[in-house]
PDB file of all heavy atoms in Angstrom:
ATOM      1  N   LEU A   1       0.843  -1.208   0.007  1.00  0.00           N
ATOM      2  CA  LEU A   1       0.021  -0.018  -0.021  1.00  0.00           C
ATOM      3  C   LEU A   1       0.868   1.242   0.009  1.00  0.00           C
ATOM      4  O   LEU A   1       1.833   1.368   0.746  1.00  0.00           O
ATOM      5  CB  LEU A   1      -0.873   0.036   1.253  1.00  0.00           C
ATOM      6  CG  LEU A   1      -2.298  -0.528   1.169  1.00  0.00           C
ATOM      7  CD1 LEU A   1      -2.935  -0.404   2.546  1.00  0.00           C
ATOM      8  CD2 LEU A   1      -3.126   0.169   0.120  1.00  0.00           C
ATOM      9  N   GLY A   2       0.500   2.219  -0.826  1.00  0.00           N
ATOM     10  CA  GLY A   2       1.118   3.556  -0.777  1.00  0.00           C
ATOM     11  C   GLY A   2       0.048   4.575  -0.459  1.00  0.00           C
ATOM     12  O   GLY A   2      -1.053   4.549  -1.012  1.00  0.00           O
ATOM     13  N   PHE A   3       0.338   5.472   0.498  1.00  0.00           N
ATOM     14  CA  PHE A   3      -0.563   6.553   0.880  1.00  0.00           C
ATOM     15  C   PHE A   3       0.039   7.925   0.492  1.00  0.00           C
ATOM     16  O   PHE A   3       1.255   8.068   0.577  1.00  0.00           O
ATOM     17  CB  PHE A   3      -0.807   6.549   2.408  1.00  0.00           C
ATOM     18  CG  PHE A   3      -1.644   5.356   2.855  1.00  0.00           C
ATOM     19  CD1 PHE A   3      -1.032   4.173   3.265  1.00  0.00           C
ATOM     20  CD2 PHE A   3      -3.015   5.446   2.915  1.00  0.00           C
ATOM     21  CE1 PHE A   3      -1.791   3.098   3.659  1.00  0.00           C
ATOM     22  CE2 PHE A   3      -3.778   4.396   3.379  1.00  0.00           C
ATOM     23  CZ  PHE A   3      -3.162   3.177   3.755  1.00  0.00           C
ATOM     24  N   ASP A   4      -0.804   8.803   0.139  1.00  0.00           N
ATOM     25  CA  ASP A   4      -0.388  10.174  -0.236  1.00  0.00           C
ATOM     26  C   ASP A   4      -1.182  11.180   0.536  1.00  0.00           C
ATOM     27  O   ASP A   4      -2.402  11.360   0.233  1.00  0.00           O
ATOM     28  CB  ASP A   4      -0.462  10.412  -1.737  1.00  0.00           C
ATOM     29  CG  ASP A   4       0.018  11.750  -2.171  1.00  0.00           C
ATOM     30  OD1 ASP A   4       0.494  12.558  -1.295  1.00  0.00           O
ATOM     31  OD2 ASP A   4      -0.111  12.108  -3.366  1.00  0.00           O
ATOM     32  N   PHE A   5      -0.559  11.808   1.553  1.00  0.00           N
ATOM     33  CA  PHE A   5      -1.256  12.852   2.317  1.00  0.00           C
ATOM     34  C   PHE A   5      -0.871  14.207   1.687  1.00  0.00           C
ATOM     35  O   PHE A   5       0.112  14.834   2.032  1.00  0.00           O
ATOM     36  CB  PHE A   5      -0.752  12.837   3.787  1.00  0.00           C
ATOM     37  CG  PHE A   5      -1.338  11.744   4.635  1.00  0.00           C
ATOM     38  CD1 PHE A   5      -1.042  10.386   4.355  1.00  0.00           C
ATOM     39  CD2 PHE A   5      -2.164  12.013   5.668  1.00  0.00           C
ATOM     40  CE1 PHE A   5      -1.532   9.382   5.138  1.00  0.00           C
ATOM     41  CE2 PHE A   5      -2.706  11.006   6.481  1.00  0.00           C
ATOM     42  CZ  PHE A   5      -2.438   9.668   6.200  1.00  0.00           C
ATOM     43  N   SER A   6      -1.605  14.553   0.645  1.00  0.00           N
ATOM     44  CA  SER A   6      -1.262  15.756  -0.141  1.00  0.00           C
ATOM     45  C   SER A   6      -2.086  16.932   0.347  1.00  0.00           C
ATOM     46  O   SER A   6      -2.792  16.897   1.333  1.00  0.00           O
ATOM     47  CB  SER A   6      -1.483  15.509  -1.640  1.00  0.00           C
ATOM     48  OG  SER A   6      -2.851  15.294  -1.914  1.00  0.00           O
ATOM     49  N   THR A   7      -1.950  18.055  -0.378  1.00  0.00           N
ATOM     50  CA  THR A   7      -2.564  19.331   0.102  1.00  0.00           C
ATOM     51  C   THR A   7      -4.091  19.239   0.116  1.00  0.00           C
ATOM     52  O   THR A   7      -4.746  19.715   1.014  1.00  0.00           O
ATOM     53  CB  THR A   7      -2.132  20.485  -0.805  1.00  0.00           C
ATOM     54  OG1 THR A   7      -0.707  20.477  -0.919  1.00  0.00           O
ATOM     55  CG2 THR A   7      -2.518  21.838  -0.192  1.00  0.00           C
ATOM     56  N   GLN A   8      -4.682  18.595  -0.901  1.00  0.00           N
ATOM     57  CA  GLN A   8      -6.127  18.663  -1.098  1.00  0.00           C
ATOM     58  C   GLN A   8      -6.823  17.361  -0.792  1.00  0.00           C
ATOM     59  O   GLN A   8      -8.059  17.302  -0.713  1.00  0.00           O
ATOM     60  CB  GLN A   8      -6.452  19.110  -2.534  1.00  0.00           C
ATOM     61  CG  GLN A   8      -5.933  20.492  -2.847  1.00  0.00           C
ATOM     62  CD  GLN A   8      -6.400  20.986  -4.202  1.00  0.00           C
ATOM     63  OE1 GLN A   8      -7.597  20.921  -4.423  1.00  0.00           O
ATOM     64  NE2 GLN A   8      -5.523  21.479  -5.021  1.00  0.00           N
ATOM     65  N   GLN A   9      -6.057  16.268  -0.612  1.00  0.00           N
ATOM     66  CA  GLN A   9      -6.716  14.941  -0.443  1.00  0.00           C
ATOM     67  C   GLN A   9      -5.752  13.913   0.141  1.00  0.00           C
ATOM     68  O   GLN A   9      -4.546  14.194   0.225  1.00  0.00           O
ATOM     69  CB  GLN A   9      -7.237  14.433  -1.794  1.00  0.00           C
ATOM     70  CG  GLN A   9      -6.126  14.212  -2.825  1.00  0.00           C
ATOM     71  CD  GLN A   9      -6.666  13.769  -4.128  1.00  0.00           C
ATOM     72  OE1 GLN A   9      -7.647  13.053  -4.260  1.00  0.00           O
ATOM     73  NE2 GLN A   9      -5.994  14.173  -5.251  1.00  0.00           N
ATOM     74  N   ILE A  10      -6.322  12.798   0.555  1.00  0.00           N
ATOM     75  CA  ILE A  10      -5.508  11.606   0.865  1.00  0.00           C
ATOM     76  C   ILE A  10      -5.862  10.563  -0.167  1.00  0.00           C
ATOM     77  O   ILE A  10      -7.057  10.352  -0.422  1.00  0.00           O
ATOM     78  CB  ILE A  10      -5.789  11.069   2.276  1.00  0.00           C
ATOM     79  CG1 ILE A  10      -5.350  12.039   3.389  1.00  0.00           C
ATOM     80  CG2 ILE A  10      -5.051   9.800   2.479  1.00  0.00           C
ATOM     81  CD1 ILE A  10      -5.523  11.458   4.781  1.00  0.00           C
ATOM     82  N   LYS A  11      -4.868   9.908  -0.700  1.00  0.00           N
ATOM     83  CA  LYS A  11      -5.019   8.815  -1.675  1.00  0.00           C
ATOM     84  C   LYS A  11      -4.356   7.595  -1.154  1.00  0.00           C
ATOM     85  O   LYS A  11      -3.402   7.660  -0.374  1.00  0.00           O
ATOM     86  CB  LYS A  11      -4.449   9.180  -3.041  1.00  0.00           C
ATOM     87  CG  LYS A  11      -5.068  10.393  -3.726  1.00  0.00           C
ATOM     88  CD  LYS A  11      -4.614  10.493  -5.155  1.00  0.00           C
ATOM     89  CE  LYS A  11      -3.212  10.923  -5.291  1.00  0.00           C
ATOM     90  NZ  LYS A  11      -3.038  12.354  -5.309  1.00  0.00           N
ATOM     91  N   ALA A  12      -4.852   6.437  -1.626  1.00  0.00           N
ATOM     92  CA  ALA A  12      -4.208   5.178  -1.334  1.00  0.00           C
ATOM     93  C   ALA A  12      -4.170   4.327  -2.639  1.00  0.00           C
ATOM     94  O   ALA A  12      -5.162   4.344  -3.371  1.00  0.00           O
ATOM     95  CB  ALA A  12      -4.893   4.402  -0.265  1.00  0.00           C
ATOM     96  N   ILE A  13      -3.048   3.703  -2.916  1.00  0.00           N
ATOM     97  CA  ILE A  13      -2.905   2.819  -4.070  1.00  0.00           C
ATOM     98  C   ILE A  13      -2.406   1.485  -3.558  1.00  0.00           C
ATOM     99  O   ILE A  13      -1.421   1.448  -2.802  1.00  0.00           O
ATOM    100  CB  ILE A  13      -1.955   3.436  -5.144  1.00  0.00           C
ATOM    101  CG1 ILE A  13      -2.610   4.546  -5.947  1.00  0.00           C
ATOM    102  CG2 ILE A  13      -1.470   2.295  -6.092  1.00  0.00           C
ATOM    103  CD1 ILE A  13      -1.758   5.113  -7.026  1.00  0.00           C
ATOM    104  N   ALA A  14      -3.027   0.436  -3.994  1.00  0.00           N
ATOM    105  CA  ALA A  14      -2.580  -0.905  -3.657  1.00  0.00           C
ATOM    106  C   ALA A  14      -2.028  -1.590  -4.910  1.00  0.00           C
ATOM    107  O   ALA A  14      -2.625  -1.518  -5.996  1.00  0.00           O
ATOM    108  CB  ALA A  14      -3.715  -1.764  -3.108  1.00  0.00           C
ATOM    109  N   ILE A  15      -0.848  -2.143  -4.766  1.00  0.00           N
ATOM    110  CA  ILE A  15      -0.232  -2.859  -5.903  1.00  0.00           C
ATOM    111  C   ILE A  15       0.039  -4.292  -5.452  1.00  0.00           C
ATOM    112  O   ILE A  15       0.213  -4.562  -4.247  1.00  0.00           O
ATOM    113  CB  ILE A  15       1.060  -2.225  -6.397  1.00  0.00           C
ATOM    114  CG1 ILE A  15       2.161  -2.194  -5.301  1.00  0.00           C
ATOM    115  CG2 ILE A  15       0.832  -0.826  -6.956  1.00  0.00           C
ATOM    116  CD1 ILE A  15       3.536  -1.783  -5.832  1.00  0.00           C
ATOM    117  N   ASN A  16       0.099  -5.207  -6.400  1.00  0.00           N
ATOM    118  CA  ASN A  16       0.453  -6.608  -6.070  1.00  0.00           C
ATOM    119  C   ASN A  16       1.929  -6.823  -6.284  1.00  0.00           C
ATOM    120  O   ASN A  16       2.693  -5.865  -6.550  1.00  0.00           O
ATOM    121  CB  ASN A  16      -0.407  -7.566  -6.897  1.00  0.00           C
ATOM    122  CG  ASN A  16      -0.137  -7.441  -8.393  1.00  0.00           C
ATOM    123  OD1 ASN A  16       0.858  -6.937  -8.888  1.00  0.00           O
ATOM    124  ND2 ASN A  16      -1.100  -7.967  -9.192  1.00  0.00           N
ATOM    125  N   ASP A  17       2.367  -8.037  -6.090  1.00  0.00           N
ATOM    126  CA  ASP A  17       3.829  -8.327  -6.165  1.00  0.00           C
ATOM    127  C   ASP A  17       4.407  -8.059  -7.509  1.00  0.00           C
ATOM    128  O   ASP A  17       5.615  -7.839  -7.641  1.00  0.00           O
ATOM    129  CB  ASP A  17       4.020  -9.816  -5.737  1.00  0.00           C
ATOM    130  CG  ASP A  17       5.374  -9.977  -4.998  1.00  0.00           C
ATOM    131  OD1 ASP A  17       5.760  -9.085  -4.304  1.00  0.00           O
ATOM    132  OD2 ASP A  17       6.001 -11.062  -5.154  1.00  0.00           O
ATOM    133  N   ALA A  18       3.585  -8.072  -8.564  1.00  0.00           N
ATOM    134  CA  ALA A  18       4.066  -7.770  -9.937  1.00  0.00           C
ATOM    135  C   ALA A  18       3.964  -6.276 -10.236  1.00  0.00           C
ATOM    136  O   ALA A  18       4.175  -5.882 -11.405  1.00  0.00           O
ATOM    137  CB  ALA A  18       3.275  -8.576 -10.959  1.00  0.00           C
ATOM    138  N   LEU A  19       3.664  -5.500  -9.272  1.00  0.00           N
ATOM    139  CA  LEU A  19       3.594  -4.007  -9.346  1.00  0.00           C
ATOM    140  C   LEU A  19       2.408  -3.495 -10.153  1.00  0.00           C
ATOM    141  O   LEU A  19       2.356  -2.350 -10.571  1.00  0.00           O
ATOM    142  CB  LEU A  19       4.889  -3.419  -9.891  1.00  0.00           C
ATOM    143  CG  LEU A  19       6.189  -3.797  -9.201  1.00  0.00           C
ATOM    144  CD1 LEU A  19       7.330  -2.915  -9.753  1.00  0.00           C
ATOM    145  CD2 LEU A  19       6.111  -3.629  -7.725  1.00  0.00           C
ATOM    146  N   HIS A  20       1.443  -4.369 -10.347  1.00  0.00           N
ATOM    147  CA  HIS A  20       0.171  -3.872 -11.005  1.00  0.00           C
ATOM    148  C   HIS A  20      -0.724  -3.208 -10.014  1.00  0.00           C
ATOM    149  O   HIS A  20      -0.887  -3.676  -8.861  1.00  0.00           O
ATOM    150  CB  HIS A  20      -0.549  -5.059 -11.659  1.00  0.00           C
ATOM    151  CG  HIS A  20       0.088  -5.635 -12.844  1.00  0.00           C
ATOM    152  ND1 HIS A  20      -0.054  -5.128 -14.102  1.00  0.00           N
ATOM    153  CD2 HIS A  20       0.966  -6.690 -12.971  1.00  0.00           C
ATOM    154  CE1 HIS A  20       0.666  -5.840 -14.942  1.00  0.00           C
ATOM    155  NE2 HIS A  20       1.287  -6.789 -14.283  1.00  0.00           N
ATOM    156  N   VAL A  21      -1.319  -2.065 -10.366  1.00  0.00           N
ATOM    157  CA  VAL A  21      -2.215  -1.373  -9.492  1.00  0.00           C
ATOM    158  C   VAL A  21      -3.509  -2.186  -9.386  1.00  0.00           C
ATOM    159  O   VAL A  21      -4.101  -2.495 -10.386  1.00  0.00           O
ATOM    160  CB  VAL A  21      -2.539   0.047  -9.973  1.00  0.00           C
ATOM    161  CG1 VAL A  21      -3.626   0.703  -9.142  1.00  0.00           C
ATOM    162  CG2 VAL A  21      -1.251   0.908  -9.973  1.00  0.00           C
ATOM    163  N   VAL A  22      -3.892  -2.509  -8.144  1.00  0.00           N
ATOM    164  CA  VAL A  22      -5.045  -3.351  -7.917  1.00  0.00           C
ATOM    165  C   VAL A  22      -6.275  -2.519  -7.590  1.00  0.00           C
ATOM    166  O   VAL A  22      -7.363  -2.705  -8.108  1.00  0.00           O
ATOM    167  CB  VAL A  22      -4.736  -4.338  -6.743  1.00  0.00           C
ATOM    168  CG1 VAL A  22      -6.000  -5.163  -6.436  1.00  0.00           C
ATOM    169  CG2 VAL A  22      -3.591  -5.226  -7.085  1.00  0.00           C
ATOM    170  N   GLN A  23      -6.112  -1.524  -6.685  1.00  0.00           N
ATOM    171  CA  GLN A  23      -7.237  -0.658  -6.318  1.00  0.00           C
ATOM    172  C   GLN A  23      -6.720   0.708  -5.886  1.00  0.00           C
ATOM    173  O   GLN A  23      -5.542   0.835  -5.455  1.00  0.00           O
ATOM    174  CB  GLN A  23      -8.016  -1.271  -5.097  1.00  0.00           C
ATOM    175  CG  GLN A  23      -8.961  -2.376  -5.493  1.00  0.00           C
ATOM    176  CD  GLN A  23      -9.660  -2.952  -4.285  1.00  0.00           C
ATOM    177  OE1 GLN A  23      -9.133  -3.716  -3.541  1.00  0.00           O
ATOM    178  NE2 GLN A  23     -11.003  -2.641  -4.121  1.00  0.00           N
ATOM    179  N   GLU A  24      -7.539   1.718  -6.059  1.00  0.00           N
ATOM    180  CA  GLU A  24      -7.218   3.086  -5.633  1.00  0.00           C
ATOM    181  C   GLU A  24      -8.396   3.750  -4.906  1.00  0.00           C
ATOM    182  O   GLU A  24      -9.546   3.429  -5.252  1.00  0.00           O
ATOM    183  CB  GLU A  24      -6.934   3.946  -6.930  1.00  0.00           C
ATOM    184  CG  GLU A  24      -5.753   3.498  -7.691  1.00  0.00           C
ATOM    185  CD  GLU A  24      -5.506   4.438  -8.900  1.00  0.00           C
ATOM    186  OE1 GLU A  24      -5.353   5.653  -8.697  1.00  0.00           O
ATOM    187  OE2 GLU A  24      -5.411   3.921 -10.061  1.00  0.00           O
ATOM    188  N   PHE A  25      -8.095   4.500  -3.899  1.00  0.00           N
ATOM    189  CA  PHE A  25      -9.116   5.172  -3.100  1.00  0.00           C
ATOM    190  C   PHE A  25      -8.639   6.592  -2.802  1.00  0.00           C
ATOM    191  O   PHE A  25      -7.480   6.891  -2.758  1.00  0.00           O
ATOM    192  CB  PHE A  25      -9.346   4.436  -1.757  1.00  0.00           C
ATOM    193  CG  PHE A  25      -9.693   2.962  -1.925  1.00  0.00           C
ATOM    194  CD1 PHE A  25      -8.693   2.006  -1.983  1.00  0.00           C
ATOM    195  CD2 PHE A  25     -11.032   2.585  -2.033  1.00  0.00           C
ATOM    196  CE1 PHE A  25      -9.012   0.644  -2.185  1.00  0.00           C
ATOM    197  CE2 PHE A  25     -11.372   1.247  -2.192  1.00  0.00           C
ATOM    198  CZ  PHE A  25     -10.358   0.283  -2.261  1.00  0.00           C
ATOM    199  N   SER A  26      -9.638   7.488  -2.506  1.00  0.00           N
ATOM    200  CA  SER A  26      -9.259   8.850  -2.104  1.00  0.00           C
ATOM    201  C   SER A  26     -10.331   9.477  -1.312  1.00  0.00           C
ATOM    202  O   SER A  26     -11.491   9.099  -1.318  1.00  0.00           O
ATOM    203  CB  SER A  26      -8.965   9.718  -3.361  1.00  0.00           C
ATOM    204  OG  SER A  26     -10.154   9.898  -4.104  1.00  0.00           O
ATOM    205  N   VAL A  27      -9.918  10.516  -0.532  1.00  0.00           N
ATOM    206  CA  VAL A  27     -10.811  11.367   0.233  1.00  0.00           C
ATOM    207  C   VAL A  27     -10.426  12.810  -0.029  1.00  0.00           C
ATOM    208  O   VAL A  27      -9.221  13.177   0.115  1.00  0.00           O
ATOM    209  CB  VAL A  27     -10.718  11.098   1.752  1.00  0.00           C
ATOM    210  CG1 VAL A  27     -11.410  12.206   2.536  1.00  0.00           C
ATOM    211  CG2 VAL A  27     -11.299   9.682   2.073  1.00  0.00           C
ATOM    212  N   GLN A  28     -11.335  13.635  -0.518  1.00  0.00           N
ATOM    213  CA  GLN A  28     -11.118  15.032  -0.820  1.00  0.00           C
ATOM    214  C   GLN A  28     -11.466  15.849   0.442  1.00  0.00           C
ATOM    215  O   GLN A  28     -12.554  15.729   0.966  1.00  0.00           O
ATOM    216  CB  GLN A  28     -11.984  15.504  -1.948  1.00  0.00           C
ATOM    217  CG  GLN A  28     -11.845  14.674  -3.236  1.00  0.00           C
ATOM    218  CD  GLN A  28     -10.626  15.081  -4.046  1.00  0.00           C
ATOM    219  OE1 GLN A  28     -10.185  16.200  -3.954  1.00  0.00           O
ATOM    220  NE2 GLN A  28     -10.106  14.148  -4.835  1.00  0.00           N
ATOM    221  N   PHE A  29     -10.555  16.681   0.906  1.00  0.00           N
ATOM    222  CA  PHE A  29     -10.780  17.412   2.162  1.00  0.00           C
ATOM    223  C   PHE A  29     -11.993  18.371   2.036  1.00  0.00           C
ATOM    224  O   PHE A  29     -12.892  18.395   2.846  1.00  0.00           O
ATOM    225  CB  PHE A  29      -9.515  18.196   2.544  1.00  0.00           C
ATOM    226  CG  PHE A  29      -8.310  17.342   2.795  1.00  0.00           C
ATOM    227  CD1 PHE A  29      -7.037  17.752   2.421  1.00  0.00           C
ATOM    228  CD2 PHE A  29      -8.412  16.119   3.418  1.00  0.00           C
ATOM    229  CE1 PHE A  29      -5.940  17.009   2.641  1.00  0.00           C
ATOM    230  CE2 PHE A  29      -7.314  15.294   3.652  1.00  0.00           C
ATOM    231  CZ  PHE A  29      -6.036  15.741   3.263  1.00  0.00           C
TER     232      PHE A  29
END
């Protein structure tokens, strides 16, 4: 899992062992 606490939102990206993006989520402040 990678999380991004940026200026306008928080995002999360999940990748599998082959580095393919599996799911993405976000919350807009």
